[in-house]
Amino acid sequence: MSQPIIQATDAVAVTPSDTSDLLNVSVLYVGVGGHVKVQTRAGSDITFYNLNNGQFVPVQIRKVYATDTTATNLVAMPVRGYLR
């Protein structure tokens, strides 16, 4: 049975915004911990609370909101999926 694999194709610093989407659907790395409010690839808005320094947000996202986001040094990594 094939398993989906997600691999980042780049890495870019994120400036949270309540109005602008990321350029590409991405996974998110949190440099300095806190809360991160995102919009998922599927369009759901969700806040991840109490993320640690150096943690990844384990979902594909298209927006990082400024409102309710306290974590800093965020890095978006655009993803492409393939089967292994």
PDB file of N, CA and C in Angstrom:
ATOM      1  N   MET A   1       0.837  -1.181   0.000  1.00  0.00           N
ATOM      2  CA  MET A   1       0.000   0.000   0.000  1.00  0.00           C
ATOM      3  C   MET A   1       0.882   1.244   0.000  1.00  0.00           C
ATOM      4  N   SER A   2       0.585   2.182  -0.854  1.00  0.00           N
ATOM      5  CA  SER A   2       1.360   3.419  -0.933  1.00  0.00           C
ATOM      6  C   SER A   2       1.023   4.344   0.218  1.00  0.00           C
ATOM      7  N   GLN A   3       2.026   5.043   0.720  1.00  0.00           N
ATOM      8  CA  GLN A   3       1.846   6.022   1.785  1.00  0.00           C
ATOM      9  C   GLN A   3       2.161   7.399   1.239  1.00  0.00           C
ATOM     10  N   PRO A   4       1.284   8.393   1.523  1.00  0.00           N
ATOM     11  CA  PRO A   4       1.603   9.744   1.057  1.00  0.00           C
ATOM     12  C   PRO A   4       2.800  10.304   1.817  1.00  0.00           C
ATOM     13  N   ILE A   5       3.687  10.967   1.099  1.00  0.00           N
ATOM     14  CA  ILE A   5       4.853  11.612   1.679  1.00  0.00           C
ATOM     15  C   ILE A   5       4.769  13.095   1.333  1.00  0.00           C
ATOM     16  N   ILE A   6       5.058  13.933   2.292  1.00  0.00           N
ATOM     17  CA  ILE A   6       5.073  15.367   2.046  1.00  0.00           C
ATOM     18  C   ILE A   6       6.502  15.848   2.205  1.00  0.00           C
ATOM     19  N   GLN A   7       6.976  16.582   1.214  1.00  0.00           N
ATOM     20  CA  GLN A   7       8.338  17.086   1.251  1.00  0.00           C
ATOM     21  C   GLN A   7       8.321  18.571   0.907  1.00  0.00           C
ATOM     22  N   ALA A   8       9.019  19.367   1.718  1.00  0.00           N
ATOM     23  CA  ALA A   8       9.100  20.805   1.466  1.00  0.00           C
ATOM     24  C   ALA A   8       9.983  21.078   0.260  1.00  0.00           C
ATOM     25  N   THR A   9       9.611  22.111  -0.505  1.00  0.00           N
ATOM     26  CA  THR A   9      10.373  22.478  -1.690  1.00  0.00           C
ATOM     27  C   THR A   9      11.152  23.777  -1.512  1.00  0.00           C
ATOM     28  N   ASP A  10      10.923  24.492  -0.395  1.00  0.00           N
ATOM     29  CA  ASP A  10      11.575  25.767  -0.138  1.00  0.00           C
ATOM     30  C   ASP A  10      11.325  26.130   1.324  1.00  0.00           C
ATOM     31  N   ALA A  11      11.840  27.256   1.766  1.00  0.00           N
ATOM     32  CA  ALA A  11      11.583  27.767   3.116  1.00  0.00           C
ATOM     33  C   ALA A  11      11.606  29.285   3.056  1.00  0.00           C
ATOM     34  N   VAL A  12      10.556  29.911   3.603  1.00  0.00           N
ATOM     35  CA  VAL A  12      10.454  31.375   3.583  1.00  0.00           C
ATOM     36  C   VAL A  12       9.935  31.877   4.927  1.00  0.00           C
ATOM     37  N   ALA A  13      10.445  33.024   5.354  1.00  0.00           N
ATOM     38  CA  ALA A  13       9.966  33.642   6.594  1.00  0.00           C
ATOM     39  C   ALA A  13       8.511  34.059   6.420  1.00  0.00           C
ATOM     40  N   VAL A  14       7.738  33.956   7.511  1.00  0.00           N
ATOM     41  CA  VAL A  14       6.320  34.289   7.487  1.00  0.00           C
ATOM     42  C   VAL A  14       6.058  35.550   8.292  1.00  0.00           C
ATOM     43  N   THR A  15       5.311  36.466   7.697  1.00  0.00           N
ATOM     44  CA  THR A  15       4.759  37.603   8.419  1.00  0.00           C
ATOM     45  C   THR A  15       3.261  37.337   8.540  1.00  0.00           C
ATOM     46  N   PRO A  16       2.773  37.018   9.746  1.00  0.00           N
ATOM     47  CA  PRO A  16       1.345  36.730   9.896  1.00  0.00           C
ATOM     48  C   PRO A  16       0.484  37.891   9.396  1.00  0.00           C
ATOM     49  N   SER A  17      -0.645  37.554   8.774  1.00  0.00           N
ATOM     50  CA  SER A  17      -1.551  38.552   8.212  1.00  0.00           C
ATOM     51  C   SER A  17      -2.982  38.031   8.279  1.00  0.00           C
ATOM     52  N   ASP A  18      -3.903  38.900   8.663  1.00  0.00           N
ATOM     53  CA  ASP A  18      -5.312  38.509   8.685  1.00  0.00           C
ATOM     54  C   ASP A  18      -5.951  38.558   7.296  1.00  0.00           C
ATOM     55  N   THR A  19      -5.258  39.132   6.318  1.00  0.00           N
ATOM     56  CA  THR A  19      -5.851  39.303   4.986  1.00  0.00           C
ATOM     57  C   THR A  19      -5.133  38.551   3.878  1.00  0.00           C
ATOM     58  N   SER A  20      -3.832  38.332   4.002  1.00  0.00           N
ATOM     59  CA  SER A  20      -3.060  37.726   2.907  1.00  0.00           C
ATOM     60  C   SER A  20      -2.797  36.247   3.149  1.00  0.00           C
ATOM     61  N   ASP A  21      -2.979  35.454   2.091  1.00  0.00           N
ATOM     62  CA  ASP A  21      -2.626  34.041   2.132  1.00  0.00           C
ATOM     63  C   ASP A  21      -1.128  33.885   1.884  1.00  0.00           C
ATOM     64  N   LEU A  22      -0.575  32.751   2.271  1.00  0.00           N
ATOM     65  CA  LEU A  22       0.787  32.403   1.890  1.00  0.00           C
ATOM     66  C   LEU A  22       0.827  32.216   0.373  1.00  0.00           C
ATOM     67  N   LEU A  23       1.977  32.357  -0.228  1.00  0.00           N
ATOM     68  CA  LEU A  23       2.081  32.187  -1.672  1.00  0.00           C
ATOM     69  C   LEU A  23       1.778  30.756  -2.105  1.00  0.00           C
ATOM     70  N   ASN A  24       2.129  29.784  -1.250  1.00  0.00           N
ATOM     71  CA  ASN A  24       1.888  28.368  -1.534  1.00  0.00           C
ATOM     72  C   ASN A  24       1.392  27.676  -0.271  1.00  0.00           C
ATOM     73  N   VAL A  25       0.625  26.614  -0.455  1.00  0.00           N
ATOM     74  CA  VAL A  25       0.253  25.777   0.683  1.00  0.00           C
ATOM     75  C   VAL A  25       1.534  25.262   1.316  1.00  0.00           C
ATOM     76  N   SER A  26       1.627  25.361   2.638  1.00  0.00           N
ATOM     77  CA  SER A  26       2.894  25.089   3.324  1.00  0.00           C
ATOM     78  C   SER A  26       2.683  24.373   4.642  1.00  0.00           C
ATOM     79  N   VAL A  27       3.733  23.746   5.140  1.00  0.00           N
ATOM     80  CA  VAL A  27       3.793  23.354   6.543  1.00  0.00           C
ATOM     81  C   VAL A  27       4.552  24.468   7.254  1.00  0.00           C
ATOM     82  N   LEU A  28       4.379  24.554   8.570  1.00  0.00           N
ATOM     83  CA  LEU A  28       4.912  25.695   9.311  1.00  0.00           C
ATOM     84  C   LEU A  28       5.862  25.230  10.403  1.00  0.00           C
ATOM     85  N   TYR A  29       6.987  25.924  10.492  1.00  0.00           N
ATOM     86  CA  TYR A  29       7.961  25.717  11.558  1.00  0.00           C
ATOM     87  C   TYR A  29       7.851  26.901  12.510  1.00  0.00           C
ATOM     88  N   VAL A  30       7.837  26.618  13.814  1.00  0.00           N
ATOM     89  CA  VAL A  30       7.735  27.649  14.844  1.00  0.00           C
ATOM     90  C   VAL A  30       9.096  27.802  15.510  1.00  0.00           C
ATOM     91  N   GLY A  31       9.731  28.953  15.322  1.00  0.00           N
ATOM     92  CA  GLY A  31      11.038  29.188  15.930  1.00  0.00           C
ATOM     93  C   GLY A  31      10.929  29.458  17.417  1.00  0.00           C
ATOM     94  N   VAL A  32      10.074  30.405  17.785  1.00  0.00           N
ATOM     95  CA  VAL A  32       9.845  30.744  19.195  1.00  0.00           C
ATOM     96  C   VAL A  32       8.387  30.447  19.507  1.00  0.00           C
ATOM     97  N   GLY A  33       8.165  29.587  20.482  1.00  0.00           N
ATOM     98  CA  GLY A  33       6.844  29.049  20.777  1.00  0.00           C
ATOM     99  C   GLY A  33       5.788  30.058  21.175  1.00  0.00           C
ATOM    100  N   GLY A  34       4.564  29.582  21.147  1.00  0.00           N
ATOM    101  CA  GLY A  34       3.387  30.366  21.489  1.00  0.00           C
ATOM    102  C   GLY A  34       2.179  29.766  20.793  1.00  0.00           C
ATOM    103  N   HIS A  35       1.195  30.604  20.509  1.00  0.00           N
ATOM    104  CA  HIS A  35      -0.020  30.171  19.806  1.00  0.00           C
ATOM    105  C   HIS A  35       0.095  30.569  18.340  1.00  0.00           C
ATOM    106  N   VAL A  36      -0.491  29.743  17.466  1.00  0.00           N
ATOM    107  CA  VAL A  36      -0.516  30.051  16.039  1.00  0.00           C
ATOM    108  C   VAL A  36      -1.922  29.768  15.511  1.00  0.00           C
ATOM    109  N   LYS A  37      -2.549  30.817  14.962  1.00  0.00           N
ATOM    110  CA  LYS A  37      -3.848  30.646  14.316  1.00  0.00           C
ATOM    111  C   LYS A  37      -3.617  30.557  12.819  1.00  0.00           C
ATOM    112  N   VAL A  38      -4.173  29.506  12.191  1.00  0.00           N
ATOM    113  CA  VAL A  38      -3.965  29.269  10.772  1.00  0.00           C
ATOM    114  C   VAL A  38      -5.280  28.962  10.075  1.00  0.00           C
ATOM    115  N   GLN A  39      -5.233  29.068   8.756  1.00  0.00           N
ATOM    116  CA  GLN A  39      -6.289  28.518   7.911  1.00  0.00           C
ATOM    117  C   GLN A  39      -5.675  27.332   7.184  1.00  0.00           C
ATOM    118  N   THR A  40      -6.321  26.183   7.288  1.00  0.00           N
ATOM    119  CA  THR A  40      -5.785  24.971   6.683  1.00  0.00           C
ATOM    120  C   THR A  40      -6.024  24.952   5.179  1.00  0.00           C
ATOM    121  N   ARG A  41      -5.370  24.032   4.533  1.00  0.00           N
ATOM    122  CA  ARG A  41      -5.563  23.854   3.088  1.00  0.00           C
ATOM    123  C   ARG A  41      -7.035  23.639   2.756  1.00  0.00           C
ATOM    124  N   ALA A  42      -7.760  22.961   3.635  1.00  0.00           N
ATOM    125  CA  ALA A  42      -9.185  22.678   3.417  1.00  0.00           C
ATOM    126  C   ALA A  42     -10.086  23.868   3.745  1.00  0.00           C
ATOM    127  N   GLY A  43      -9.503  24.941   4.343  1.00  0.00           N
ATOM    128  CA  GLY A  43     -10.286  26.138   4.626  1.00  0.00           C
ATOM    129  C   GLY A  43     -10.747  26.304   6.059  1.00  0.00           C
ATOM    130  N   SER A  44     -10.339  25.408   6.947  1.00  0.00           N
ATOM    131  CA  SER A  44     -10.715  25.512   8.359  1.00  0.00           C
ATOM    132  C   SER A  44      -9.792  26.475   9.090  1.00  0.00           C
ATOM    133  N   ASP A  45     -10.362  27.306   9.955  1.00  0.00           N
ATOM    134  CA  ASP A  45      -9.578  28.171  10.833  1.00  0.00           C
ATOM    135  C   ASP A  45      -9.407  27.472  12.172  1.00  0.00           C
ATOM    136  N   ILE A  46      -8.164  27.381  12.645  1.00  0.00           N
ATOM    137  CA  ILE A  46      -7.868  26.683  13.904  1.00  0.00           C
ATOM    138  C   ILE A  46      -6.678  27.348  14.578  1.00  0.00           C
ATOM    139  N   THR A  47      -6.696  27.393  15.899  1.00  0.00           N
ATOM    140  CA  THR A  47      -5.561  27.909  16.659  1.00  0.00           C
ATOM    141  C   THR A  47      -4.865  26.748  17.344  1.00  0.00           C
ATOM    142  N   PHE A  48      -3.567  26.635  17.134  1.00  0.00           N
ATOM    143  CA  PHE A  48      -2.726  25.668  17.834  1.00  0.00           C
ATOM    144  C   PHE A  48      -2.148  26.395  19.037  1.00  0.00           C
ATOM    145  N   TYR A  49      -2.487  25.931  20.227  1.00  0.00           N
ATOM    146  CA  TYR A  49      -2.066  26.587  21.460  1.00  0.00           C
ATOM    147  C   TYR A  49      -0.796  25.968  22.024  1.00  0.00           C
ATOM    148  N   ASN A  50       0.019  26.828  22.647  1.00  0.00           N
ATOM    149  CA  ASN A  50       1.188  26.393  23.418  1.00  0.00           C
ATOM    150  C   ASN A  50       2.179  25.546  22.628  1.00  0.00           C
ATOM    151  N   LEU A  51       2.454  25.946  21.391  1.00  0.00           N
ATOM    152  CA  LEU A  51       3.482  25.255  20.610  1.00  0.00           C
ATOM    153  C   LEU A  51       4.854  25.551  21.203  1.00  0.00           C
ATOM    154  N   ASN A  52       5.746  24.603  21.103  1.00  0.00           N
ATOM    155  CA  ASN A  52       7.100  24.731  21.643  1.00  0.00           C
ATOM    156  C   ASN A  52       8.045  25.367  20.640  1.00  0.00           C
ATOM    157  N   ASN A  53       9.168  25.882  21.136  1.00  0.00           N
ATOM    158  CA  ASN A  53      10.243  26.330  20.255  1.00  0.00           C
ATOM    159  C   ASN A  53      10.673  25.156  19.383  1.00  0.00           C
ATOM    160  N   GLY A  54      10.858  25.407  18.089  1.00  0.00           N
ATOM    161  CA  GLY A  54      11.352  24.362  17.202  1.00  0.00           C
ATOM    162  C   GLY A  54      10.329  23.323  16.795  1.00  0.00           C
ATOM    163  N   GLN A  55       9.056  23.603  16.974  1.00  0.00           N
ATOM    164  CA  GLN A  55       8.006  22.637  16.653  1.00  0.00           C
ATOM    165  C   GLN A  55       7.433  22.903  15.262  1.00  0.00           C
ATOM    166  N   PHE A  56       6.993  21.835  14.593  1.00  0.00           N
ATOM    167  CA  PHE A  56       6.292  21.940  13.323  1.00  0.00           C
ATOM    168  C   PHE A  56       4.793  21.860  13.569  1.00  0.00           C
ATOM    169  N   VAL A  57       4.019  22.609  12.779  1.00  0.00           N
ATOM    170  CA  VAL A  57       2.561  22.486  12.803  1.00  0.00           C
ATOM    171  C   VAL A  57       2.213  21.385  11.798  1.00  0.00           C
ATOM    172  N   PRO A  58       1.606  20.289  12.266  1.00  0.00           N
ATOM    173  CA  PRO A  58       1.466  19.090  11.439  1.00  0.00           C
ATOM    174  C   PRO A  58       0.254  19.105  10.503  1.00  0.00           C
ATOM    175  N   VAL A  59       0.069  20.223   9.788  1.00  0.00           N
ATOM    176  CA  VAL A  59      -1.045  20.321   8.838  1.00  0.00           C
ATOM    177  C   VAL A  59      -0.639  21.276   7.720  1.00  0.00           C
ATOM    178  N   GLN A  60      -1.169  21.063   6.538  1.00  0.00           N
ATOM    179  CA  GLN A  60      -0.893  21.964   5.428  1.00  0.00           C
ATOM    180  C   GLN A  60      -1.744  23.220   5.598  1.00  0.00           C
ATOM    181  N   ILE A  61      -1.107  24.379   5.493  1.00  0.00           N
ATOM    182  CA  ILE A  61      -1.809  25.633   5.757  1.00  0.00           C
ATOM    183  C   ILE A  61      -1.692  26.579   4.566  1.00  0.00           C
ATOM    184  N   ARG A  62      -2.662  27.501   4.496  1.00  0.00           N
ATOM    185  CA  ARG A  62      -2.595  28.515   3.447  1.00  0.00           C
ATOM    186  C   ARG A  62      -2.569  29.932   3.989  1.00  0.00           C
ATOM    187  N   LYS A  63      -2.818  30.101   5.307  1.00  0.00           N
ATOM    188  CA  LYS A  63      -2.756  31.436   5.904  1.00  0.00           C
ATOM    189  C   LYS A  63      -2.330  31.317   7.360  1.00  0.00           C
ATOM    190  N   VAL A  64      -1.498  32.267   7.817  1.00  0.00           N
ATOM    191  CA  VAL A  64      -1.163  32.416   9.230  1.00  0.00           C
ATOM    192  C   VAL A  64      -1.722  33.768   9.658  1.00  0.00           C
ATOM    193  N   TYR A  65      -2.670  33.746  10.575  1.00  0.00           N
ATOM    194  CA  TYR A  65      -3.322  34.972  11.026  1.00  0.00           C
ATOM    195  C   TYR A  65      -2.435  35.750  11.996  1.00  0.00           C
ATOM    196  N   ALA A  66      -2.486  37.078  11.898  1.00  0.00           N
ATOM    197  CA  ALA A  66      -1.802  37.931  12.877  1.00  0.00           C
ATOM    198  C   ALA A  66      -2.565  37.913  14.203  1.00  0.00           C
ATOM    199  N   THR A  67      -3.895  38.001  14.108  1.00  0.00           N
ATOM    200  CA  THR A  67      -4.732  37.960  15.301  1.00  0.00           C
ATOM    201  C   THR A  67      -4.634  36.581  15.938  1.00  0.00           C
ATOM    202  N   ASP A  68      -4.377  36.536  17.215  1.00  0.00           N
ATOM    203  CA  ASP A  68      -4.287  35.299  18.017  1.00  0.00           C
ATOM    204  C   ASP A  68      -2.989  34.521  17.809  1.00  0.00           C
ATOM    205  N   THR A  69      -2.068  35.008  16.975  1.00  0.00           N
ATOM    206  CA  THR A  69      -0.765  34.351  16.821  1.00  0.00           C
ATOM    207  C   THR A  69       0.252  35.071  17.699  1.00  0.00           C
ATOM    208  N   THR A  70       0.831  34.329  18.653  1.00  0.00           N
ATOM    209  CA  THR A  70       1.843  34.902  19.547  1.00  0.00           C
ATOM    210  C   THR A  70       3.231  34.322  19.285  1.00  0.00           C
ATOM    211  N   ALA A  71       3.299  33.183  18.601  1.00  0.00           N
ATOM    212  CA  ALA A  71       4.594  32.579  18.261  1.00  0.00           C
ATOM    213  C   ALA A  71       5.310  33.470  17.255  1.00  0.00           C
ATOM    214  N   THR A  72       6.651  33.398  17.247  1.00  0.00           N
ATOM    215  CA  THR A  72       7.443  34.217  16.334  1.00  0.00           C
ATOM    216  C   THR A  72       8.486  33.363  15.614  1.00  0.00           C
ATOM    217  N   ASN A  73       9.228  34.014  14.730  1.00  0.00           N
ATOM    218  CA  ASN A  73      10.238  33.334  13.915  1.00  0.00           C
ATOM    219  C   ASN A  73       9.622  32.148  13.175  1.00  0.00           C
ATOM    220  N   LEU A  74       8.504  32.424  12.507  1.00  0.00           N
ATOM    221  CA  LEU A  74       7.773  31.400  11.764  1.00  0.00           C
ATOM    222  C   LEU A  74       8.371  31.232  10.374  1.00  0.00           C
ATOM    223  N   VAL A  75       8.448  29.993   9.923  1.00  0.00           N
ATOM    224  CA  VAL A  75       8.972  29.675   8.605  1.00  0.00           C
ATOM    225  C   VAL A  75       7.969  28.774   7.888  1.00  0.00           C
ATOM    226  N   ALA A  76       7.537  29.200   6.693  1.00  0.00           N
ATOM    227  CA  ALA A  76       6.651  28.382   5.861  1.00  0.00           C
ATOM    228  C   ALA A  76       7.497  27.576   4.894  1.00  0.00           C
ATOM    229  N   MET A  77       7.134  26.304   4.748  1.00  0.00           N
ATOM    230  CA  MET A  77       7.831  25.425   3.824  1.00  0.00           C
ATOM    231  C   MET A  77       6.808  24.864   2.841  1.00  0.00           C
ATOM    232  N   PRO A  78       6.781  25.418   1.617  1.00  0.00           N
ATOM    233  CA  PRO A  78       5.844  24.920   0.611  1.00  0.00           C
ATOM    234  C   PRO A  78       6.032  23.413   0.409  1.00  0.00           C
ATOM    235  N   VAL A  79       4.918  22.725   0.198  1.00  0.00           N
ATOM    236  CA  VAL A  79       4.978  21.262   0.130  1.00  0.00           C
ATOM    237  C   VAL A  79       4.435  20.757  -1.187  1.00  0.00           C
ATOM    238  N   ARG A  80       4.931  19.601  -1.533  1.00  0.00           N
ATOM    239  CA  ARG A  80       4.363  18.832  -2.638  1.00  0.00           C
ATOM    240  C   ARG A  80       4.226  17.407  -2.119  1.00  0.00           C
ATOM    241  N   GLY A  81       3.162  16.750  -2.464  1.00  0.00           N
ATOM    242  CA  GLY A  81       2.962  15.388  -2.004  1.00  0.00           C
ATOM    243  C   GLY A  81       3.285  14.384  -3.105  1.00  0.00           C
ATOM    244  N   TYR A  82       3.674  13.213  -2.707  1.00  0.00           N
ATOM    245  CA  TYR A  82       3.873  12.126  -3.636  1.00  0.00           C
ATOM    246  C   TYR A  82       3.688  10.825  -2.884  1.00  0.00           C
ATOM    247  N   LEU A  83       3.529   9.743  -3.605  1.00  0.00           N
ATOM    248  CA  LEU A  83       3.316   8.438  -2.968  1.00  0.00           C
ATOM    249  C   LEU A  83       4.614   7.663  -2.933  1.00  0.00           C
ATOM    250  N   ARG A  84       4.802   6.967  -1.820  1.00  0.00           N
ATOM    251  CA  ARG A  84       5.992   6.132  -1.670  1.00  0.00           C
ATOM    252  C   ARG A  84       5.590   4.685  -1.671  1.00  0.00           C
TER     253      ARG A  84
END
